[in-house]
Structures are given as structure tokens and as C-alpha cells.
């Protein structure tokens, strides 16, 4: 049993698949994206898009209230847990008008979608390349095996390399990289959904501010 485990976790087949697939994914997406892809593993498990959505919805009521009572210039005083919401409130308070803010927040959401897409593309590229590298290792192992047919003692290691690279390619693609890409895609879709909704609602509030201020002034005069 120990010998079998040792063959399964032999370093050469693992390195062949991981390094080969990693280099291919790196060439396809770039070093900057690869760094962000590994950095995304932390938020991958810590992200709570549903909780962020609920917090953003609660924040919208506060934004509307402070915009009506004091004006949009005071929205940066509100506390927001999510960095996207914090930046949105600061930008809202400092924007020249609603249209400038609408342009900024629309671009911010598009930029986030692009960044998410590049990260997901890295893990998909890794998942696609892993089986190919496993097959390449299998071919190398078979070549070594056929080249050593006269020496039965050297057939075993070559056969092990041929089989183990295929196994590790399948593991990397279907157990590691593929599930990570799918999980990131799901989290990204849910996160971008509430951010688009938040952006639309805040933009609508910004466009109503003149009417809010006029109503507030009338109430004070009355």
C-alpha cells in the first residue's frame, strides 16, 4: 500500500503536469493575471455575495435619506463594509453631477467584470491544459517503455510515468482548476448582479437630488 501511494504522489509526474499546464496558462493569460488568479483563492472561499447584496440594499435607504435631508455631498460620511460601496459613496459625494457619477460607476462595474473574466480565464486555461500535459507525459512514458523493452527492469518506471501523468492531469483539471473556475464564475455573477443593481439605484438617487433639495428648502421655509 505504501508503495502504491509513493507511486501516485511521485514528484516527477506531478511536476510534469503542474508545471506544463501552468506555463501554458501563463502564456495564454499573462503573468499579471496569473498573480491575480492565485490572489483570488482567498476571496473564493471568504466571499459572501448574498450578504454583500443585503448590506448594499440596506445602505441604499441610508443614501436616499441623507441625500434628501442634507444632499449628496454628505454621502461619503456613511459607512460601507464593501470596498465597491465605499468608493461609490466617496465618488458620489465628489462628483460634479449625476451624469459624471453614472459614467464613473458604469465604468467601475465594467472594469470589475473584466478583471473577474481574466482571472476565471486563467483557471479555465489551466483546466484545459492539464489533460493535454497528462497525455504528453503518457506519450513520453510510453516512448521510454518501448525504448527499454530489452531491459525489463526499466519498463516499470516508464509505465508508471505514463499512467501517473494521465491521472494527475485529470485531477488538476477536474478536481482543482475546473471547480475553482466554476466557483469563481458563480461568485462573480452574483457579485456583479448586486453591484449593477446598486449602481442603478444610486444613479437614480443622484438624478433626483435637485428635486429632493427643492422639497427640503420648501419644508424649511414653511
Protein backbone atom coordinates (compact mmCIF):
# COMPACT_ATOMS: atom_id res chain seq x y z
CA UNK A 1 0.00 0.00 0.00
CA UNK A 2 2.81 2.37 0.86
CA UNK A 3 4.49 1.62 -2.47
CA UNK A 4 1.27 2.42 -4.35
CA UNK A 5 0.88 5.76 -2.52
CA UNK A 6 4.50 6.54 -3.25
CA UNK A 7 3.98 5.94 -6.96
CA UNK A 8 0.77 8.01 -7.02
CA UNK A 9 2.46 11.00 -5.39
CA UNK A 10 5.78 10.66 -7.17
CA UNK A 11 7.16 14.17 -7.81
CA UNK A 12 8.10 13.75 -11.47
CA UNK A 13 4.58 13.10 -12.86
CA UNK A 14 3.11 15.83 -10.67
CA UNK A 15 5.73 18.39 -11.72
CA UNK A 16 5.36 17.42 -15.36
CA UNK A 17 1.63 18.13 -15.35
CA UNK A 18 1.53 21.13 -12.99
CA UNK A 19 4.48 23.00 -14.49
CA UNK A 20 3.49 22.22 -18.07
CA UNK A 21 -0.14 23.26 -17.61
CA UNK A 22 0.90 26.28 -15.56
CA UNK A 23 3.26 27.53 -18.26
CA UNK A 24 0.56 27.15 -20.92
CA UNK A 25 -1.99 29.05 -18.79
CA UNK A 26 0.64 31.69 -18.06
CA UNK A 27 1.38 32.19 -21.75
CA UNK A 28 -2.31 32.49 -22.55
CA UNK A 29 -3.28 34.97 -19.82
CA UNK A 30 -0.07 36.73 -18.74
CA UNK A 31 1.88 36.96 -15.50
CA UNK A 32 -0.25 39.76 -14.04
CA UNK A 33 -3.43 37.74 -14.46
CA UNK A 34 -1.78 34.64 -13.01
CA UNK A 35 -0.86 36.56 -9.87
CA UNK A 36 -4.41 37.84 -9.50
CA UNK A 37 -5.76 34.33 -10.13
CA UNK A 38 -3.90 32.93 -7.15
CA UNK A 39 -4.74 36.00 -5.07
CA UNK A 40 -8.42 35.30 -5.80
CA UNK A 41 -8.23 32.00 -3.92
CA UNK A 42 -8.67 33.89 -0.64
CA UNK A 43 -11.89 35.69 -1.63
CA UNK A 44 -13.00 32.49 -3.37
CA UNK A 45 -13.82 30.88 -0.04
CA UNK A 46 -14.43 34.04 2.00
CA UNK A 47 -16.79 35.80 -0.44
CA UNK A 48 -20.40 36.17 0.71
CA UNK A 49 -22.15 37.86 -2.25
CA UNK A 50 -25.62 37.38 -0.79
CA UNK A 51 -24.63 39.07 2.46
CA UNK A 52 -22.95 41.88 0.50
CA UNK A 53 -26.12 42.29 -1.56
CA UNK A 54 -28.28 42.60 1.56
CA UNK A 55 -25.86 45.11 3.11
CA UNK A 56 -25.88 47.17 -0.11
CA UNK A 57 -29.67 47.22 -0.14
CA UNK A 58 -29.76 48.46 3.45
CA UNK A 59 -27.16 51.09 2.57
CA UNK A 60 -29.35 52.40 -0.25
CA UNK A 61 -32.02 53.51 2.22
CA UNK A 62 -29.39 55.48 4.13
CA UNK A 63 -28.08 57.05 0.93
CA UNK A 64 -31.57 58.14 -0.09
CA UNK A 65 -32.30 59.55 3.36
CA UNK A 66 -29.10 61.56 3.62
CA UNK A 67 -29.44 62.78 0.03
CA UNK A 68 -32.92 64.07 0.81
CA UNK A 69 -32.03 65.67 4.13
CA UNK A 70 -28.52 67.00 3.55
CA UNK A 71 -27.58 66.43 -0.09
CA UNK A 72 -25.28 64.04 -1.90
CA UNK A 73 -22.16 65.85 -0.67
CA UNK A 74 -22.68 64.14 2.69
CA UNK A 75 -22.93 60.56 1.41
CA UNK A 76 -19.22 59.94 1.96
CA UNK A 77 -19.88 60.05 5.70
CA UNK A 78 -21.86 56.84 5.54
CA UNK A 79 -20.11 53.63 6.50
CA UNK A 80 -19.96 50.83 3.94
CA UNK A 81 -18.34 47.44 4.52
CA UNK A 82 -17.71 46.57 0.87
CA UNK A 83 -14.90 48.47 -0.94
CA UNK A 84 -17.09 48.96 -4.04
CA UNK A 85 -19.78 50.69 -1.99
CA UNK A 86 -17.26 52.81 -0.10
CA UNK A 87 -15.67 54.05 -3.31
CA UNK A 88 -19.09 54.67 -4.83
CA UNK A 89 -20.16 56.87 -1.91
CA UNK A 90 -16.94 58.88 -1.98
CA UNK A 91 -17.22 59.38 -5.73
CA UNK A 92 -20.89 60.29 -5.43
CA UNK A 93 -20.12 62.97 -2.86
CA UNK A 94 -17.39 64.49 -5.03
CA UNK A 95 -18.96 64.19 -8.50
CA UNK A 96 -19.84 67.36 -10.37
CA UNK A 97 -23.28 66.00 -11.31
CA UNK A 98 -25.28 62.80 -11.67
CA UNK A 99 -24.09 62.13 -15.21
CA UNK A 100 -20.44 62.19 -14.20
CA UNK A 101 -21.19 59.75 -11.41
CA UNK A 102 -23.23 57.50 -13.73
CA UNK A 103 -20.33 57.35 -16.18
CA UNK A 104 -17.85 56.53 -13.40
CA UNK A 105 -19.87 53.79 -11.73
CA UNK A 106 -20.80 52.19 -15.05
CA UNK A 107 -17.13 52.00 -15.97
CA UNK A 108 -16.27 50.69 -12.50
CA UNK A 109 -18.70 47.78 -12.88
CA UNK A 110 -17.37 47.03 -16.38
CA UNK A 111 -13.79 47.04 -15.08
CA UNK A 112 -14.68 44.63 -12.30
CA UNK A 113 -16.36 42.29 -14.80
CA UNK A 114 -13.26 42.38 -16.99
CA UNK A 115 -10.94 41.63 -14.07
CA UNK A 116 -13.12 38.73 -12.96
CA UNK A 117 -13.20 37.38 -16.50
CA UNK A 118 -9.41 37.39 -16.80
CA UNK A 119 -9.00 35.51 -13.51
CA UNK A 120 -11.59 32.92 -14.49
CA UNK A 121 -9.90 32.55 -17.88
CA UNK A 122 -6.62 31.60 -16.17
CA UNK A 123 -8.21 28.74 -14.23
CA UNK A 124 -10.11 27.58 -17.31
CA UNK A 125 -6.85 27.62 -19.30
CA UNK A 126 -5.19 25.57 -16.57
CA UNK A 127 -8.07 23.07 -16.60
CA UNK A 128 -7.89 22.80 -20.39
CA UNK A 129 -4.11 22.36 -20.48
CA UNK A 130 -3.85 19.77 -17.68
CA UNK A 131 -5.24 16.76 -19.61
CA UNK A 132 -3.05 17.62 -22.60
CA UNK A 133 0.04 17.70 -20.38
CA UNK A 134 -1.04 14.41 -18.84
CA UNK A 135 -1.29 12.89 -22.30
CA UNK A 136 2.13 14.34 -23.20
CA UNK A 137 3.59 12.68 -20.12
CA UNK A 138 1.88 9.43 -21.10
CA UNK A 139 3.46 9.55 -24.55
CA UNK A 140 6.90 10.26 -23.07
CA UNK A 141 6.46 7.35 -20.68
CA UNK A 142 5.41 5.01 -23.49
CA UNK A 143 8.38 6.07 -25.60
CA UNK A 144 10.68 5.31 -22.69
CA UNK A 145 8.98 1.97 -22.15
CA UNK A 146 9.26 0.88 -25.77
CA UNK A 147 12.85 2.07 -25.96
CA UNK A 148 13.74 -0.16 -22.99
CA UNK A 149 11.94 -3.34 -23.97
CA UNK A 150 15.18 -5.28 -23.74
CA UNK A 151 15.59 -4.23 -20.11
CA UNK A 152 12.52 -5.40 -18.14
CA UNK A 153 13.73 -3.53 -15.05
CA UNK A 154 13.32 -0.14 -16.74
CA UNK A 155 9.82 -0.77 -18.07
CA UNK A 156 8.13 -0.22 -14.69
CA UNK A 157 9.22 3.41 -14.11
CA UNK A 158 8.32 4.39 -17.67
CA UNK A 159 4.91 2.75 -17.36
CA UNK A 160 4.34 4.48 -14.02
CA UNK A 161 5.18 7.84 -15.59
CA UNK A 162 2.80 7.14 -18.47
CA UNK A 163 -0.11 6.29 -16.18
CA UNK A 164 0.51 8.80 -13.39
CA UNK A 165 0.74 11.83 -15.66
CA UNK A 166 -2.67 11.00 -17.08
CA UNK A 167 -4.07 10.63 -13.57
CA UNK A 168 -2.60 13.91 -12.34
CA UNK A 169 -3.80 15.71 -15.46
CA UNK A 170 -7.34 14.54 -14.72
CA UNK A 171 -7.04 15.54 -11.08
CA UNK A 172 -5.70 19.01 -11.86
CA UNK A 173 -8.39 19.64 -14.48
CA UNK A 174 -11.46 18.12 -12.83
CA UNK A 175 -10.74 18.34 -9.11
CA UNK A 176 -8.76 21.57 -8.77
CA UNK A 177 -8.71 24.07 -11.66
CA UNK A 178 -12.14 23.34 -13.13
CA UNK A 179 -14.07 23.61 -9.84
CA UNK A 180 -12.16 26.78 -8.92
CA UNK A 181 -13.09 28.37 -12.27
CA UNK A 182 -16.75 27.39 -11.86
CA UNK A 183 -16.88 28.66 -8.29
CA UNK A 184 -15.27 31.96 -9.26
CA UNK A 185 -17.70 32.34 -12.15
CA UNK A 186 -20.68 31.81 -9.86
CA UNK A 187 -19.41 34.23 -7.22
CA UNK A 188 -18.59 36.80 -9.90
CA UNK A 189 -22.07 36.62 -11.45
CA UNK A 190 -23.78 37.10 -8.10
CA UNK A 191 -21.43 39.90 -7.07
CA UNK A 192 -21.75 41.80 -10.34
CA UNK A 193 -25.53 41.42 -10.22
CA UNK A 194 -25.91 43.28 -6.94
CA UNK A 195 -23.28 45.83 -7.92
CA UNK A 196 -25.12 46.65 -11.15
CA UNK A 197 -28.34 46.99 -9.16
CA UNK A 198 -26.62 49.19 -6.57
CA UNK A 199 -25.13 51.36 -9.31
CA UNK A 200 -28.51 51.85 -10.95
CA UNK A 201 -30.26 52.74 -7.71
CA UNK A 202 -27.58 55.20 -6.57
CA UNK A 203 -27.53 56.84 -10.01
CA UNK A 204 -31.31 57.26 -9.82
CA UNK A 205 -30.96 58.88 -6.40
CA UNK A 206 -28.29 61.23 -7.73
CA UNK A 207 -30.53 62.30 -10.60
CA UNK A 208 -33.36 63.07 -8.17
CA UNK A 209 -31.21 65.22 -5.87
CA UNK A 210 -32.31 68.63 -7.27
CA UNK A 211 -35.95 67.76 -6.61
CA UNK A 212 -35.05 66.50 -3.14
CA UNK A 213 -33.21 69.70 -2.28
CA UNK A 214 -36.07 71.89 -3.53
CA UNK A 215 -38.55 69.93 -1.41
CA UNK A 216 -36.26 70.23 1.62
CA UNK A 217 -35.96 74.02 1.13
CA UNK A 218 -39.73 74.41 0.80
CA UNK A 219 -40.23 72.45 4.03
CA UNK A 220 -37.71 74.64 5.86
CA UNK A 221 -39.37 77.86 4.59
CA UNK A 222 -42.78 76.56 5.53
